[in-house]
Amino acid sequence: MLMRRIWIVNMLTLEESFRCERALVFGIGGSGDIVGSIPTARLLELHGVDVLLGGTTWEPVPKDSKPGPRSFDEILNLDKISTTVGLATGETRTHDGLEFTETYVARHYSTEVALIDMSKGAEGMRVGVEEACTDLDLDLVVGVDAGGDVLARGDELGLRSPVTDGFGLATLETLSAKTLLGVFGYGSDGELTLDELEAGIVRAAERDGLLGAWGLTRRVRDELEAVLETVETEASRLPVEAAQGAYGQKQIRGGDVSLRLTPPSTVTFYFDPAAVISTSKIVSLVNDSRSIDEATAALKEAGYRTEFEIERDRLESHS
């Protein structure tokens, strides 16, 4: 008789998440990932969960003139809830005029959204989110990654954002609130090949960590189209195009990256974060970091090229 090996006992099933009362659903990878979080927010709301959307303080170069995440010390019009979590509005911006993707989303919906400061490292992000869960009565935190590079083992050649994903996973690992990891877009960031993405899902499933999936409905697709009229993002935009039938090869990042859109690009897959963390080489490297510099140095020493270095080089090329 075939025996299924169970490596990790899930603390939460997808169905159990529907019984939570208030959730933070945030883009784990920075920038436009908050847009990819919207389908998950709508799924939870269908089951009566009150949802606060959120994202991080990291915008890409050249949209931002500085590489790396912005600290709260640089940001205006932000209601600080904890050391690294604040509530942004359509008026939130940096001292030098940068508007975050979260600013545009807050303006679009005329509501507050959470903004998470990543500059204080994984430890600072984790402590701040934990404090916010208490202050905002959150009993569920869902991190959503657009594209799926969060599922990387760590040795994939196309990996470009180990810092943000490592911080997000490290945060989900230790919160007292229930947690889920979502992947929206199935390769739409071009970092993992479809084979590598599939391997990541297999690793999680083998550890009993694949919790379910939900596809992009026509109503939510139309909602995302409206948001994308003012928000610039490639990884969260391509799944909307896929929902309109635009499958096949696509070029992103100015033609530097090629990827393939498929029907699963319209689906959000949900995972037990522990199952993904258990096979990640990245989380342990950034887990104890107290600043972005500490995390970047640890990854660089281990042989990784981080998004901070990529953005710094990109900034130099635009100067």
Protein backbone atom coordinates (compact mmCIF):
# COMPACT_ATOMS: atom_id res chain seq x y z
CA MET A 1 0.00 0.00 0.00
CA LEU A 2 1.29 3.47 -0.94
CA MET A 3 1.96 5.54 2.18
CA ARG A 4 1.99 9.33 1.98
CA ARG A 5 4.77 10.91 4.02
CA ILE A 6 3.62 13.87 6.09
CA TRP A 7 6.53 16.10 7.08
CA ILE A 8 4.75 19.05 8.67
CA VAL A 9 1.44 19.26 10.51
CA ASN A 10 -0.42 22.30 9.26
CA MET A 11 -1.50 24.76 11.91
CA LEU A 12 -4.04 26.21 9.49
CA THR A 13 -6.01 25.00 6.50
CA LEU A 14 -7.38 27.34 3.87
CA GLU A 15 -10.90 26.63 5.10
CA GLU A 16 -9.93 27.46 8.68
CA SER A 17 -8.66 30.85 7.55
CA PHE A 18 -12.22 31.71 6.55
CA ARG A 19 -13.19 31.56 10.22
CA CYS A 20 -10.75 34.31 11.16
CA GLU A 21 -12.14 37.75 11.92
CA ARG A 22 -9.56 40.26 10.70
CA ALA A 23 -6.64 39.73 8.32
CA LEU A 24 -3.62 41.60 7.03
CA VAL A 25 -3.04 40.60 3.40
CA PHE A 26 0.21 42.13 2.20
CA GLY A 27 2.46 41.99 -0.83
CA ILE A 28 5.48 40.05 0.38
CA GLY A 29 7.80 41.00 -2.47
CA GLY A 30 7.50 44.77 -2.46
CA SER A 31 6.21 47.32 -4.96
CA GLY A 32 3.26 46.03 -7.04
CA ASP A 33 2.72 42.83 -5.05
CA ILE A 34 -0.04 44.60 -3.13
CA VAL A 35 -2.07 44.45 -6.36
CA GLY A 36 -1.56 40.68 -6.49
CA SER A 37 -2.90 40.54 -2.93
CA ILE A 38 -6.32 41.88 -3.91
CA PRO A 39 -7.77 38.54 -5.16
CA THR A 40 -6.90 36.93 -1.81
CA ALA A 41 -8.50 39.84 0.03
CA ARG A 42 -11.69 39.35 -1.95
CA LEU A 43 -11.70 35.59 -1.27
CA LEU A 44 -11.45 36.17 2.47
CA GLU A 45 -14.10 38.89 2.36
CA LEU A 46 -16.49 36.50 0.62
CA HIS A 47 -16.27 34.42 3.80
CA GLY A 48 -16.84 37.36 6.14
CA VAL A 49 -13.23 38.19 7.03
CA ASP A 50 -12.40 41.89 7.47
CA VAL A 51 -9.25 42.58 5.41
CA LEU A 52 -6.53 45.22 5.60
CA LEU A 53 -4.41 45.34 2.45
CA GLY A 54 -0.71 46.10 2.75
CA GLY A 55 2.72 46.20 1.21
CA THR A 56 6.30 47.21 1.89
CA THR A 57 8.37 50.38 1.62
CA TRP A 58 10.49 49.13 -1.28
CA GLU A 59 9.92 50.62 -4.74
CA PRO A 60 12.18 49.72 -7.66
CA VAL A 61 14.75 51.92 -9.33
CA PRO A 62 14.23 54.03 -11.42
CA LYS A 63 10.78 54.75 -9.94
CA ASP A 64 12.64 55.42 -6.72
CA SER A 65 15.83 57.46 -6.87
CA LYS A 66 17.33 55.44 -3.99
CA PRO A 67 18.01 51.69 -3.99
CA GLY A 68 16.57 49.63 -1.16
CA PRO A 69 13.61 50.11 1.18
CA ARG A 70 12.63 53.47 2.67
CA SER A 71 12.51 53.85 6.44
CA PHE A 72 9.63 55.44 8.31
CA ASP A 73 11.92 58.38 9.12
CA GLU A 74 11.72 59.31 5.43
CA ILE A 75 7.93 59.09 5.09
CA LEU A 76 5.24 61.75 5.52
CA ASN A 77 1.51 61.35 6.24
CA LEU A 78 1.76 57.92 7.84
CA ASP A 79 -0.10 56.75 10.95
CA LYS A 80 2.53 54.62 12.72
CA ILE A 81 0.97 51.59 14.41
CA SER A 82 4.23 49.92 15.47
CA THR A 83 7.96 50.23 14.90
CA THR A 84 7.68 48.94 11.31
CA VAL A 85 3.98 49.02 10.41
CA GLY A 86 2.00 52.14 9.57
CA LEU A 87 -1.27 53.02 7.89
CA ALA A 88 -0.85 54.82 4.59
CA THR A 89 -3.36 56.98 2.74
CA GLY A 90 -3.47 58.58 -0.69
CA GLU A 91 -1.33 61.37 0.75
CA THR A 92 1.54 59.16 1.97
CA ARG A 93 4.90 59.88 0.37
CA THR A 94 8.58 60.32 1.18
CA HIS A 95 10.23 63.65 1.96
CA ASP A 96 11.60 63.71 -1.59
CA GLY A 97 8.21 63.06 -3.19
CA LEU A 98 8.16 59.28 -3.82
CA GLU A 99 4.64 57.84 -3.76
CA PHE A 100 4.49 54.15 -2.91
CA THR A 101 2.34 51.67 -4.79
CA GLU A 102 0.39 51.49 -1.51
CA THR A 103 -0.26 55.25 -1.83
CA TYR A 104 -1.92 54.70 -5.20
CA VAL A 105 -3.95 51.75 -3.91
CA ALA A 106 -5.09 53.71 -0.84
CA ARG A 107 -6.09 56.61 -3.10
CA HIS A 108 -7.93 54.31 -5.51
CA TYR A 109 -10.04 52.75 -2.74
CA SER A 110 -10.20 55.89 -0.54
CA THR A 111 -9.06 53.83 2.42
CA GLU A 112 -6.00 53.12 4.54
CA VAL A 113 -3.56 50.37 3.68
CA ALA A 114 -0.71 48.95 5.75
CA LEU A 115 2.85 49.95 4.89
CA ILE A 116 5.66 47.78 6.29
CA ASP A 117 9.16 49.18 6.83
CA MET A 118 11.81 46.65 5.75
CA SER A 119 14.83 48.78 6.57
CA LYS A 120 15.20 47.34 10.07
CA GLY A 121 15.87 43.80 8.86
CA ALA A 122 13.87 40.63 9.26
CA GLU A 123 13.89 40.97 13.04
CA GLY A 124 12.52 44.50 12.92
CA MET A 125 9.85 43.55 10.40
CA ARG A 126 8.80 40.54 12.48
CA VAL A 127 8.55 42.53 15.74
CA GLY A 128 6.65 45.36 14.09
CA VAL A 129 4.09 43.09 12.43
CA GLU A 130 3.58 41.22 15.71
CA GLU A 131 2.92 44.52 17.49
CA ALA A 132 0.50 45.56 14.74
CA CYS A 133 -1.40 42.27 15.04
CA THR A 134 -2.10 43.15 18.68
CA ASP A 135 -2.95 46.80 18.10
CA LEU A 136 -5.15 46.16 15.05
CA ASP A 137 -6.77 42.93 16.35
CA LEU A 138 -5.41 40.84 13.48
CA ASP A 139 -5.79 37.08 13.82
CA LEU A 140 -4.59 36.19 10.30
CA VAL A 141 -1.62 37.41 8.24
CA VAL A 142 -1.29 36.42 4.59
CA GLY A 143 1.81 37.24 2.58
CA VAL A 144 1.24 37.18 -1.19
CA ASP A 145 4.08 37.02 -3.71
CA ALA A 146 3.49 37.94 -7.34
CA GLY A 147 5.35 35.51 -9.59
CA GLY A 148 6.38 32.78 -7.19
CA ASP A 149 10.09 33.39 -6.53
CA VAL A 150 9.24 33.12 -2.83
CA LEU A 151 9.11 29.34 -3.43
CA ALA A 152 12.76 29.27 -4.49
CA ARG A 153 15.13 26.85 -2.82
CA GLY A 154 17.90 29.38 -3.28
CA ASP A 155 20.08 27.97 -6.04
CA GLU A 156 17.95 29.07 -9.01
CA LEU A 157 19.92 31.13 -11.52
CA GLY A 158 17.21 33.71 -12.18
CA LEU A 159 16.62 34.62 -8.54
CA ARG A 160 16.67 38.41 -8.15
CA SER A 161 14.90 39.28 -4.89
CA PRO A 162 16.13 37.14 -1.99
CA VAL A 163 15.98 39.94 0.60
CA THR A 164 12.28 40.81 0.36
CA ASP A 165 11.14 37.20 0.13
CA GLY A 166 13.43 36.14 2.96
CA PHE A 167 12.11 38.90 5.22
CA GLY A 168 8.50 38.03 4.42
CA LEU A 169 8.94 34.32 5.08
CA ALA A 170 10.86 34.97 8.29
CA THR A 171 7.99 37.15 9.48
CA LEU A 172 5.29 34.61 8.65
CA GLU A 173 7.27 31.90 10.42
CA THR A 174 7.04 33.30 13.95
CA LEU A 175 3.87 35.40 14.26
CA SER A 176 1.39 34.48 16.96
CA ALA A 177 -1.44 35.11 14.46
CA LYS A 178 -2.33 32.42 11.94
CA THR A 179 -0.41 32.75 8.68
CA LEU A 180 -0.69 31.78 5.04
CA LEU A 181 1.58 32.23 2.03
CA GLY A 182 0.03 32.99 -1.34
CA VAL A 183 1.61 32.90 -4.81
CA PHE A 184 -0.17 34.86 -7.53
CA GLY A 185 0.85 34.88 -11.18
CA TYR A 186 2.73 31.57 -11.57
CA GLY A 187 5.99 32.80 -13.04
CA SER A 188 4.87 36.33 -13.93
CA ASP A 189 8.00 37.90 -12.40
CA GLY A 190 10.33 35.89 -14.64
CA GLU A 191 12.65 34.86 -11.79
CA LEU A 192 11.90 31.13 -11.69
CA THR A 193 11.37 28.99 -14.76
CA LEU A 194 8.09 27.10 -14.88
CA ASP A 195 10.01 23.89 -14.07
CA GLU A 196 11.61 25.55 -11.04
CA LEU A 197 8.27 26.93 -9.92
CA GLU A 198 6.70 23.50 -10.25
CA ALA A 199 9.56 22.02 -8.22
CA GLY A 200 8.89 24.55 -5.47
CA ILE A 201 5.23 23.57 -5.34
CA VAL A 202 6.18 19.89 -5.27
CA ARG A 203 8.51 20.46 -2.33
CA ALA A 204 5.75 22.18 -0.38
CA ALA A 205 3.17 19.54 -1.33
CA GLU A 206 5.50 16.72 -0.22
CA ARG A 207 5.55 18.39 3.21
CA ASP A 208 1.74 18.64 3.30
CA GLY A 209 2.05 22.39 2.74
CA LEU A 210 -0.04 22.95 -0.40
CA LEU A 211 -3.31 24.24 1.05
CA GLY A 212 -5.40 25.04 -2.02
CA ALA A 213 -5.92 27.57 -4.79
CA TRP A 214 -8.36 30.16 -6.08
CA GLY A 215 -8.59 31.50 -9.62
CA LEU A 216 -9.02 35.04 -10.81
CA THR A 217 -12.73 35.64 -11.38
CA ARG A 218 -14.04 37.98 -14.05
CA ARG A 219 -15.29 40.44 -11.41
CA VAL A 220 -11.95 40.59 -9.61
CA ARG A 221 -10.12 40.74 -12.94
CA ASP A 222 -12.15 43.83 -13.83
CA GLU A 223 -11.38 45.33 -10.43
CA LEU A 224 -7.64 44.79 -10.96
CA GLU A 225 -7.88 46.38 -14.41
CA ALA A 226 -9.24 49.53 -12.77
CA VAL A 227 -6.45 49.55 -10.17
CA LEU A 228 -3.81 49.02 -12.86
CA GLU A 229 -4.90 52.18 -14.67
CA THR A 230 -2.85 54.11 -12.10
CA VAL A 231 -0.49 51.47 -10.63
CA GLU A 232 2.63 50.41 -12.51
CA THR A 233 3.56 46.74 -12.01
CA GLU A 234 4.49 43.95 -14.40
CA ALA A 235 4.30 40.84 -12.21
CA SER A 236 0.76 41.63 -11.01
CA ARG A 237 -0.41 42.96 -14.38
CA LEU A 238 0.46 39.89 -16.46
CA PRO A 239 -2.02 37.58 -14.65
CA VAL A 240 -4.78 40.02 -15.63
CA GLU A 241 -3.63 39.78 -19.24
CA ALA A 242 -3.63 35.99 -18.91
CA ALA A 243 -7.25 36.16 -17.68
CA GLN A 244 -8.00 37.94 -20.96
CA GLY A 245 -6.41 35.13 -22.98
CA ALA A 246 -2.91 36.53 -23.49
CA TYR A 247 -0.90 33.32 -23.09
CA GLY A 248 2.57 32.57 -24.39
CA GLN A 249 5.96 34.29 -24.28
CA LYS A 250 6.22 37.75 -22.71
CA GLN A 251 9.09 40.16 -22.19
CA ILE A 252 9.41 42.23 -19.02
CA ARG A 253 11.96 44.58 -17.43
CA GLY A 254 12.65 46.35 -20.67
CA GLY A 255 13.11 43.10 -22.56
CA ASP A 256 15.79 41.75 -20.21
CA VAL A 257 13.58 38.93 -18.90
CA SER A 258 11.47 36.45 -20.85
CA LEU A 259 8.69 34.34 -19.36
CA ARG A 260 5.72 32.25 -20.42
CA LEU A 261 2.14 33.02 -19.37
CA THR A 262 -0.07 29.96 -18.88
CA PRO A 263 -3.60 29.39 -17.51
CA PRO A 264 -2.21 28.84 -13.95
CA SER A 265 -0.96 32.44 -14.15
CA THR A 266 -4.49 33.49 -13.17
CA VAL A 267 -4.48 31.37 -10.00
CA THR A 268 -3.34 32.12 -6.44
CA PHE A 269 -1.85 29.04 -4.76
CA TYR A 270 -1.81 28.90 -0.96
CA PHE A 271 0.86 27.30 1.22
CA ASP A 272 1.75 26.61 4.80
CA PRO A 273 4.73 28.99 5.21
CA ALA A 274 6.58 26.41 7.31
CA ALA A 275 6.62 23.96 4.40
CA VAL A 276 8.27 26.55 2.14
CA ILE A 277 10.69 27.78 4.80
CA SER A 278 11.87 24.23 5.52
CA THR A 279 13.52 23.98 2.08
CA SER A 280 14.67 27.60 1.71
CA LYS A 281 18.38 28.37 1.91
CA ILE A 282 17.62 32.07 2.14
CA VAL A 283 15.50 32.49 5.27
CA SER A 284 18.21 31.27 7.65
CA LEU A 285 20.66 33.80 6.19
CA VAL A 286 18.45 36.84 6.85
CA ASN A 287 16.43 35.58 9.81
CA ASP A 288 18.35 37.42 12.55
CA SER A 289 19.16 40.56 10.58
CA ARG A 290 18.43 43.92 12.22
CA SER A 291 19.03 46.06 9.16
CA ILE A 292 18.89 45.83 5.40
CA ASP A 293 22.69 46.11 5.33
CA GLU A 294 23.10 43.10 7.64
CA ALA A 295 20.81 40.99 5.47
CA THR A 296 22.46 42.08 2.24
CA ALA A 297 25.93 41.35 3.62
CA ALA A 298 24.92 37.86 4.77
CA LEU A 299 23.43 37.01 1.39
CA LYS A 300 26.37 38.46 -0.50
CA GLU A 301 28.80 36.41 1.60
CA ALA A 302 26.77 33.29 0.72
CA GLY A 303 27.12 34.08 -2.98
CA TYR A 304 23.78 35.77 -3.69
CA ARG A 305 23.27 38.88 -5.80
CA THR A 306 20.56 40.87 -4.05
CA GLU A 307 17.93 43.28 -5.35
CA PHE A 308 19.74 46.06 -3.48
CA GLU A 309 22.87 45.52 -5.59
CA ILE A 310 20.83 45.15 -8.78
CA GLU A 311 19.03 48.45 -8.08
CA ARG A 312 22.28 50.21 -7.21
CA ASP A 313 23.74 49.15 -10.56
CA ARG A 314 20.55 50.19 -12.34
CA LEU A 315 20.67 53.61 -10.68
CA GLU A 316 24.26 54.10 -11.84
CA SER A 317 23.25 53.20 -15.40
CA HIS A 318 20.52 55.86 -15.32
CA SER A 319 22.79 58.57 -13.94
